[in-house]
PDB file of N, CA and C in Angstrom:
ATOM      1  N   MET A   1       3.782 -18.922  -6.619  1.00  0.00           N
ATOM      2  CA  MET A   1       4.410 -17.775  -6.499  1.00  0.00           C
ATOM      3  C   MET A   1       5.885 -17.591  -7.118  1.00  0.00           C
ATOM      4  N   ALA A   2       6.262 -16.829  -7.919  1.00  0.00           N
ATOM      5  CA  ALA A   2       7.700 -16.625  -8.554  1.00  0.00           C
ATOM      6  C   ALA A   2       8.561 -15.922  -7.188  1.00  0.00           C
ATOM      7  N   ARG A   3       9.646 -16.507  -7.152  1.00  0.00           N
ATOM      8  CA  ARG A   3      10.633 -15.963  -6.239  1.00  0.00           C
ATOM      9  C   ARG A   3      11.792 -15.715  -6.965  1.00  0.00           C
ATOM     10  N   VAL A   4      12.792 -14.999  -6.645  1.00  0.00           N
ATOM     11  CA  VAL A   4      14.110 -15.041  -6.751  1.00  0.00           C
ATOM     12  C   VAL A   4      15.052 -15.906  -6.395  1.00  0.00           C
ATOM     13  N   ARG A   5      15.713 -16.777  -6.878  1.00  0.00           N
ATOM     14  CA  ARG A   5      16.397 -18.034  -6.176  1.00  0.00           C
ATOM     15  C   ARG A   5      17.634 -17.685  -6.323  1.00  0.00           C
ATOM     16  N   TYR A   6      18.265 -16.816  -7.308  1.00  0.00           N
ATOM     17  CA  TYR A   6      19.759 -16.340  -7.237  1.00  0.00           C
ATOM     18  C   TYR A   6      20.002 -15.555  -8.124  1.00  0.00           C
ATOM     19  N   ILE A   7      21.020 -14.362  -7.479  1.00  0.00           N
ATOM     20  CA  ILE A   7      21.234 -13.388  -8.491  1.00  0.00           C
ATOM     21  C   ILE A   7      22.809 -13.626  -8.399  1.00  0.00           C
ATOM     22  N   HIS A   8      23.320 -13.518  -9.609  1.00  0.00           N
ATOM     23  CA  HIS A   8      24.829 -13.548  -9.731  1.00  0.00           C
ATOM     24  C   HIS A   8      25.538 -12.270  -9.075  1.00  0.00           C
ATOM     25  N   GLU A   9      26.557 -12.472  -8.721  1.00  0.00           N
ATOM     26  CA  GLU A   9      27.345 -11.596  -7.803  1.00  0.00           C
ATOM     27  C   GLU A   9      27.574 -10.207  -8.644  1.00  0.00           C
ATOM     28  N   GLY A  10      27.889 -10.523 -10.128  1.00  0.00           N
ATOM     29  CA  GLY A  10      28.122  -9.272 -10.891  1.00  0.00           C
ATOM     30  C   GLY A  10      26.823  -8.356 -11.583  1.00  0.00           C
ATOM     31  N   ASP A  11      25.660  -8.972 -11.087  1.00  0.00           N
ATOM     32  CA  ASP A  11      24.404  -8.535 -11.967  1.00  0.00           C
ATOM     33  C   ASP A  11      23.969  -7.456 -10.807  1.00  0.00           C
ATOM     34  N   LEU A  12      23.269  -6.411 -11.152  1.00  0.00           N
ATOM     35  CA  LEU A  12      22.633  -5.451 -10.693  1.00  0.00           C
ATOM     36  C   LEU A  12      21.088  -5.647 -11.157  1.00  0.00           C
ATOM     37  N   THR A  13      20.070  -5.725 -10.055  1.00  0.00           N
ATOM     38  CA  THR A  13      18.921  -5.995 -10.292  1.00  0.00           C
ATOM     39  C   THR A  13      17.922  -4.787  -9.672  1.00  0.00           C
ATOM     40  N   ILE A  14      16.822  -4.884 -10.536  1.00  0.00           N
ATOM     41  CA  ILE A  14      15.800  -3.733  -9.981  1.00  0.00           C
ATOM     42  C   ILE A  14      14.676  -4.750  -9.379  1.00  0.00           C
ATOM     43  N   LEU A  15      13.990  -4.419  -8.452  1.00  0.00           N
ATOM     44  CA  LEU A  15      12.922  -5.535  -7.986  1.00  0.00           C
ATOM     45  C   LEU A  15      11.639  -4.618  -8.280  1.00  0.00           C
ATOM     46  N   ILE A  16      10.729  -5.386  -8.563  1.00  0.00           N
ATOM     47  CA  ILE A  16       9.124  -4.626  -8.430  1.00  0.00           C
ATOM     48  C   ILE A  16       8.151  -5.709  -8.138  1.00  0.00           C
ATOM     49  N   VAL A  17       7.506  -5.331  -6.981  1.00  0.00           N
ATOM     50  CA  VAL A  17       6.928  -6.297  -6.120  1.00  0.00           C
ATOM     51  C   VAL A  17       5.340  -5.532  -5.958  1.00  0.00           C
ATOM     52  N   SER A  18       4.519  -6.362  -5.823  1.00  0.00           N
ATOM     53  CA  SER A  18       3.152  -5.705  -5.089  1.00  0.00           C
ATOM     54  C   SER A  18       3.197  -5.198  -3.630  1.00  0.00           C
ATOM     55  N   GLY A  19       2.521  -4.527  -3.205  1.00  0.00           N
ATOM     56  CA  GLY A  19       2.608  -4.024  -1.600  1.00  0.00           C
ATOM     57  C   GLY A  19       2.522  -5.109  -0.620  1.00  0.00           C
ATOM     58  N   ARG A  20       1.456  -6.426  -0.820  1.00  0.00           N
ATOM     59  CA  ARG A  20       1.489  -7.380  -0.025  1.00  0.00           C
ATOM     60  C   ARG A  20       2.908  -8.192   0.051  1.00  0.00           C
ATOM     61  N   MET A  21       3.450  -8.428  -1.274  1.00  0.00           N
ATOM     62  CA  MET A  21       4.576  -9.003  -1.442  1.00  0.00           C
ATOM     63  C   MET A  21       5.880  -8.243  -0.822  1.00  0.00           C
ATOM     64  N   GLY A  22       5.596  -6.879  -1.205  1.00  0.00           N
ATOM     65  CA  GLY A  22       6.975  -5.938  -0.782  1.00  0.00           C
ATOM     66  C   GLY A  22       7.181  -6.337   0.722  1.00  0.00           C
ATOM     67  N   ARG A  23       5.954  -6.184   1.635  1.00  0.00           N
ATOM     68  CA  ARG A  23       6.165  -6.403   3.379  1.00  0.00           C
ATOM     69  C   ARG A  23       7.015  -7.586   3.572  1.00  0.00           C
ATOM     70  N   ILE A  24       6.769  -8.732   2.619  1.00  0.00           N
ATOM     71  CA  ILE A  24       7.317 -10.081   2.777  1.00  0.00           C
ATOM     72  C   ILE A  24       8.794  -9.991   2.363  1.00  0.00           C
ATOM     73  N   VAL A  25       9.277  -9.578   1.198  1.00  0.00           N
ATOM     74  CA  VAL A  25      10.618  -9.553   0.661  1.00  0.00           C
ATOM     75  C   VAL A  25      11.238  -8.677   0.809  1.00  0.00           C
ATOM     76  N   VAL A  26      10.896  -7.306   0.866  1.00  0.00           N
ATOM     77  CA  VAL A  26      11.780  -6.086   0.821  1.00  0.00           C
ATOM     78  C   VAL A  26      12.857  -6.136   2.126  1.00  0.00           C
ATOM     79  N   PRO A  27      12.350  -6.569   3.272  1.00  0.00           N
ATOM     80  CA  PRO A  27      13.498  -6.485   4.377  1.00  0.00           C
ATOM     81  C   PRO A  27      14.553  -7.650   4.095  1.00  0.00           C
ATOM     82  N   GLU A  28      14.193  -8.803   3.282  1.00  0.00           N
ATOM     83  CA  GLU A  28      15.266  -9.533   3.047  1.00  0.00           C
ATOM     84  C   GLU A  28      16.234  -9.191   1.729  1.00  0.00           C
ATOM     85  N   MET A  29      15.614  -8.708   0.592  1.00  0.00           N
ATOM     86  CA  MET A  29      16.225  -8.357  -0.386  1.00  0.00           C
ATOM     87  C   MET A  29      16.972  -6.925  -0.275  1.00  0.00           C
ATOM     88  N   GLN A  30      16.213  -5.871   0.486  1.00  0.00           N
ATOM     89  CA  GLN A  30      17.159  -4.806   0.488  1.00  0.00           C
ATOM     90  C   GLN A  30      18.615  -4.628   1.164  1.00  0.00           C
ATOM     91  N   THR A  31      19.114  -5.679   1.878  1.00  0.00           N
ATOM     92  CA  THR A  31      20.309  -5.979   2.150  1.00  0.00           C
ATOM     93  C   THR A  31      21.415  -6.459   0.952  1.00  0.00           C
ATOM     94  N   LEU A  32      20.899  -7.172  -0.163  1.00  0.00           N
ATOM     95  CA  LEU A  32      21.597  -7.647  -1.186  1.00  0.00           C
ATOM     96  C   LEU A  32      22.159  -6.555  -1.783  1.00  0.00           C
ATOM     97  N   ARG A  33      23.544  -6.642  -2.318  1.00  0.00           N
ATOM     98  CA  ARG A  33      24.591  -5.692  -3.024  1.00  0.00           C
ATOM     99  C   ARG A  33      23.835  -5.565  -4.326  1.00  0.00           C
ATOM    100  N   GLN A  34      23.215  -6.782  -4.762  1.00  0.00           N
ATOM    101  CA  GLN A  34      22.906  -7.039  -6.392  1.00  0.00           C
ATOM    102  C   GLN A  34      21.659  -6.322  -6.523  1.00  0.00           C
ATOM    103  N   VAL A  35      21.042  -5.808  -5.611  1.00  0.00           N
ATOM    104  CA  VAL A  35      19.391  -5.275  -5.821  1.00  0.00           C
ATOM    105  C   VAL A  35      20.055  -3.689  -5.563  1.00  0.00           C
ATOM    106  N   SER A  36      19.596  -3.298  -6.901  1.00  0.00           N
ATOM    107  CA  SER A  36      19.824  -1.676  -6.822  1.00  0.00           C
ATOM    108  C   SER A  36      18.822  -0.812  -6.357  1.00  0.00           C
ATOM    109  N   SER A  37      17.457  -1.436  -6.755  1.00  0.00           N
ATOM    110  CA  SER A  37      16.419  -0.780  -6.415  1.00  0.00           C
ATOM    111  C   SER A  37      15.313  -1.684  -6.179  1.00  0.00           C
ATOM    112  N   ILE A  38      14.288  -0.875  -5.233  1.00  0.00           N
ATOM    113  CA  ILE A  38      13.033  -1.916  -5.198  1.00  0.00           C
ATOM    114  C   ILE A  38      11.740  -0.786  -5.352  1.00  0.00           C
ATOM    115  N   TYR A  39      10.990  -1.305  -6.171  1.00  0.00           N
ATOM    116  CA  TYR A  39       9.696  -0.648  -6.442  1.00  0.00           C
ATOM    117  C   TYR A  39       8.571  -1.449  -5.889  1.00  0.00           C
ATOM    118  N   VAL A  40       7.722  -0.642  -5.297  1.00  0.00           N
ATOM    119  CA  VAL A  40       6.399  -1.262  -4.721  1.00  0.00           C
ATOM    120  C   VAL A  40       5.287  -0.694  -5.537  1.00  0.00           C
ATOM    121  N   TYR A  41       4.651  -1.496  -6.202  1.00  0.00           N
ATOM    122  CA  TYR A  41       3.488  -1.376  -7.087  1.00  0.00           C
ATOM    123  C   TYR A  41       2.025  -1.735  -6.672  1.00  0.00           C
ATOM    124  N   CYS A  42       1.308  -0.617  -6.218  1.00  0.00           N
ATOM    125  CA  CYS A  42       0.272  -1.111  -5.424  1.00  0.00           C
ATOM    126  C   CYS A  42      -0.731   0.436  -5.572  1.00  0.00           C
ATOM    127  N   TYR A  43      -1.977   0.236  -5.511  1.00  0.00           N
ATOM    128  CA  TYR A  43      -2.997   1.120  -5.794  1.00  0.00           C
ATOM    129  C   TYR A  43      -3.059   1.741  -4.447  1.00  0.00           C
ATOM    130  N   ASP A  44      -2.832   1.060  -3.261  1.00  0.00           N
ATOM    131  CA  ASP A  44      -2.870   1.991  -1.837  1.00  0.00           C
ATOM    132  C   ASP A  44      -1.694   2.586  -1.457  1.00  0.00           C
ATOM    133  N   LYS A  45      -1.125   3.613  -2.088  1.00  0.00           N
ATOM    134  CA  LYS A  45      -0.071   4.205  -1.850  1.00  0.00           C
ATOM    135  C   LYS A  45       0.389   4.460  -0.636  1.00  0.00           C
ATOM    136  N   ALA A  46      -0.515   5.201   0.206  1.00  0.00           N
ATOM    137  CA  ALA A  46      -0.707   5.541   1.677  1.00  0.00           C
ATOM    138  C   ALA A  46      -0.169   4.383   2.381  1.00  0.00           C
ATOM    139  N   ALA A  47      -1.135   3.323   2.351  1.00  0.00           N
ATOM    140  CA  ALA A  47      -0.490   2.141   3.162  1.00  0.00           C
ATOM    141  C   ALA A  47       0.855   1.649   3.113  1.00  0.00           C
ATOM    142  N   ASN A  48       1.388   1.746   1.930  1.00  0.00           N
ATOM    143  CA  ASN A  48       2.811   1.116   1.722  1.00  0.00           C
ATOM    144  C   ASN A  48       3.759   2.441   1.921  1.00  0.00           C
ATOM    145  N   GLU A  49       3.517   3.664   1.816  1.00  0.00           N
ATOM    146  CA  GLU A  49       4.542   4.273   2.059  1.00  0.00           C
ATOM    147  C   GLU A  49       4.996   4.358   3.341  1.00  0.00           C
ATOM    148  N   LYS A  50       4.035   4.156   4.483  1.00  0.00           N
ATOM    149  CA  LYS A  50       4.770   3.993   5.912  1.00  0.00           C
ATOM    150  C   LYS A  50       5.501   2.957   6.278  1.00  0.00           C
ATOM    151  N   TRP A  51       5.227   1.773   5.764  1.00  0.00           N
ATOM    152  CA  TRP A  51       6.181   0.826   6.261  1.00  0.00           C
ATOM    153  C   TRP A  51       7.436   0.684   5.422  1.00  0.00           C
ATOM    154  N   SER A  52       7.380   1.519   4.103  1.00  0.00           N
ATOM    155  CA  SER A  52       8.445   1.249   3.305  1.00  0.00           C
ATOM    156  C   SER A  52       9.609   2.500   3.784  1.00  0.00           C
ATOM    157  N   ARG A  53       9.260   3.452   4.416  1.00  0.00           N
ATOM    158  CA  ARG A  53      10.001   4.368   4.483  1.00  0.00           C
ATOM    159  C   ARG A  53      11.525   4.017   5.494  1.00  0.00           C
ATOM    160  N   SER A  54      10.938   2.894   6.197  1.00  0.00           N
ATOM    161  CA  SER A  54      12.386   2.303   6.812  1.00  0.00           C
ATOM    162  C   SER A  54      13.416   1.672   6.089  1.00  0.00           C
ATOM    163  N   PHE A  55      13.212   1.528   4.959  1.00  0.00           N
ATOM    164  CA  PHE A  55      14.250   0.903   3.702  1.00  0.00           C
ATOM    165  C   PHE A  55      14.646   1.752   3.015  1.00  0.00           C
ATOM    166  N   SER A  56      16.040   1.811   2.562  1.00  0.00           N
ATOM    167  CA  SER A  56      16.753   2.765   1.786  1.00  0.00           C
ATOM    168  C   SER A  56      16.546   2.535   0.420  1.00  0.00           C
ATOM    169  N   LYS A  57      16.242   1.374   0.181  1.00  0.00           N
ATOM    170  CA  LYS A  57      16.149   1.214  -1.616  1.00  0.00           C
ATOM    171  C   LYS A  57      14.342   1.004  -1.881  1.00  0.00           C
TER     172      LYS A  57
END
């Protein structure tokens, strides 16, 4: 599994994750200033909308 190891302070990053991976990484990554947006790509839209509403990115 590939993971983000380092994001340079001056870089802006858009993160695209699966629904399953999103539940794991979004809580940690959404607080980083370098991450401008997080997109969850999954066929089960309804299941992911519920948990993702509590995050601003």
